[in-house]
Amino acid sequence: MNREQMLVQAGSVPLMQVGEGIHRRVLGHDADLMMVEVRFAKGAVGALHNHPNRQVTYVASGKFEVTIVHESTVLRAGDSFFVPPSAEHGVVALEGGTLVDVFSPARGDFLGPA
């Protein structure tokens, strides 16, 4: 891995629209670990889904209703949550805000075609 792959400056990675009112950028990764910034407009929905990756998410800003395995709670800036492998989860942005997701192993589907 070269130095450019280890250091990521915010302006060097464009945000990609991945849903209505949802934009994402991969901030760093290798095969075992990935960090992703996800920005949500107020009212945007990260639909319920699951994946085999472990996920821990930090609420950098905003207010979100977070559902994990049919249980929902409201989280705000500074809060975080953990999603076990294959657990159904999703979010609704009650305010515009940003989540920072960390996955293990990395989400290959976020990297596009090889």
Protein backbone atom coordinates (compact mmCIF):
# COMPACT_ATOMS: atom_id res chain seq x y z
CA MET A 1 0.00 0.00 0.00
CA ASN A 2 1.47 3.37 -0.97
CA ARG A 3 1.27 6.61 1.01
CA GLU A 4 -1.49 8.04 -1.23
CA GLN A 5 -3.70 5.08 -0.31
CA MET A 6 -3.03 5.61 3.41
CA LEU A 7 -3.80 9.35 3.51
CA VAL A 8 -7.15 10.65 2.30
CA GLN A 9 -7.85 14.36 2.00
CA ALA A 10 -11.58 15.17 1.92
CA GLY A 11 -11.40 17.06 -1.37
CA SER A 12 -9.64 14.21 -3.15
CA VAL A 13 -12.59 11.80 -2.97
CA PRO A 14 -15.88 12.91 -4.53
CA LEU A 15 -19.22 12.28 -2.85
CA MET A 16 -21.34 9.84 -4.86
CA GLN A 17 -25.13 9.97 -4.80
CA VAL A 18 -26.34 6.54 -3.69
CA GLY A 19 -29.99 7.29 -2.98
CA GLU A 20 -32.50 10.09 -2.70
CA GLY A 21 -30.82 12.63 -0.42
CA ILE A 22 -27.90 10.27 0.38
CA HIS A 23 -24.27 10.80 -0.65
CA ARG A 24 -21.31 8.60 0.24
CA ARG A 25 -17.53 8.59 -0.02
CA VAL A 26 -15.07 5.87 0.94
CA LEU A 27 -12.42 7.45 3.17
CA GLY A 28 -10.02 4.55 3.44
CA HIS A 29 -9.90 0.79 3.18
CA ASP A 30 -8.04 -2.43 2.71
CA ALA A 31 -9.56 -5.89 2.43
CA ASP A 32 -10.21 -6.14 6.18
CA LEU A 33 -11.42 -2.65 7.14
CA MET A 34 -13.26 0.27 5.53
CA MET A 35 -14.38 3.74 6.69
CA VAL A 36 -17.15 5.57 4.83
CA GLU A 37 -18.72 9.02 5.21
CA VAL A 38 -22.45 9.09 4.45
CA ARG A 39 -24.36 12.40 4.26
CA PHE A 40 -28.14 12.46 4.57
CA ALA A 41 -30.63 15.20 3.75
CA LYS A 42 -33.50 15.60 6.21
CA GLY A 43 -36.03 12.83 5.59
CA ALA A 44 -33.65 10.60 3.62
CA VAL A 45 -34.04 6.88 4.30
CA GLY A 46 -31.26 4.32 4.50
CA ALA A 47 -33.62 1.40 3.79
CA LEU A 48 -33.59 -1.71 5.94
CA HIS A 49 -30.92 -4.11 4.68
CA ASN A 50 -28.31 -6.57 5.88
CA HIS A 51 -24.81 -7.67 4.90
CA PRO A 52 -22.24 -10.12 6.25
CA ASN A 53 -19.90 -7.31 7.40
CA ARG A 54 -19.64 -6.06 10.98
CA GLN A 55 -20.50 -2.37 11.12
CA VAL A 56 -19.97 0.33 13.71
CA THR A 57 -21.35 3.80 12.99
CA TYR A 58 -20.61 7.18 14.56
CA VAL A 59 -23.19 9.96 14.28
CA ALA A 60 -20.99 12.91 13.31
CA SER A 61 -23.91 15.33 12.98
CA GLY A 62 -27.69 15.39 12.79
CA LYS A 63 -30.41 13.23 14.31
CA PHE A 64 -31.35 9.75 13.09
CA GLU A 65 -33.92 7.09 13.88
CA VAL A 66 -31.86 3.91 13.84
CA THR A 67 -33.46 0.48 13.52
CA ILE A 68 -31.51 -2.69 14.27
CA VAL A 69 -33.36 -6.03 14.21
CA HIS A 70 -36.84 -4.45 14.56
CA GLU A 71 -35.87 -2.13 17.46
CA SER A 72 -35.68 1.61 16.84
CA THR A 73 -34.12 4.46 18.78
CA VAL A 74 -33.16 8.06 18.10
CA LEU A 75 -29.46 8.90 18.04
CA ARG A 76 -27.79 12.31 17.83
CA ALA A 77 -24.33 13.72 17.14
CA GLY A 78 -21.76 11.95 19.30
CA ASP A 79 -23.78 8.72 19.58
CA SER A 80 -22.88 5.46 17.85
CA PHE A 81 -24.23 2.00 17.10
CA PHE A 82 -22.96 -1.49 16.27
CA VAL A 83 -24.51 -3.87 13.75
CA PRO A 84 -23.60 -7.57 13.98
CA PRO A 85 -23.07 -9.53 10.76
CA SER A 86 -26.30 -10.18 8.80
CA ALA A 87 -28.49 -8.15 11.22
CA GLU A 88 -31.21 -6.13 9.47
CA HIS A 89 -30.75 -2.39 10.00
CA GLY A 90 -31.53 1.01 8.53
CA VAL A 91 -31.84 4.72 9.35
CA VAL A 92 -34.12 7.68 8.77
CA ALA A 93 -32.59 11.17 8.90
CA LEU A 94 -34.80 13.20 11.25
CA GLU A 95 -32.44 16.11 10.55
CA GLY A 96 -29.80 16.45 7.88
CA GLY A 97 -26.59 14.88 9.09
CA THR A 98 -23.55 12.72 8.57
CA LEU A 99 -22.76 9.16 9.63
CA VAL A 100 -19.29 7.62 9.63
CA ASP A 101 -19.53 3.88 8.97
CA VAL A 102 -16.73 1.41 9.62
CA PHE A 103 -16.99 -2.08 8.12
CA SER A 104 -15.04 -5.28 8.70
CA PRO A 105 -14.29 -6.77 6.29
CA ALA A 106 -14.44 -3.98 3.71
CA ARG A 107 -17.61 -3.63 1.60
CA GLY A 108 -16.47 -4.71 -1.85
CA ASP A 109 -19.80 -3.53 -3.30
CA PHE A 110 -18.88 0.06 -2.37
CA LEU A 111 -15.77 -0.05 -4.54
CA GLY A 112 -17.43 -0.70 -7.88
CA PRO A 113 -16.13 -3.01 -10.58
CA ALA A 114 -12.54 -4.19 -10.17
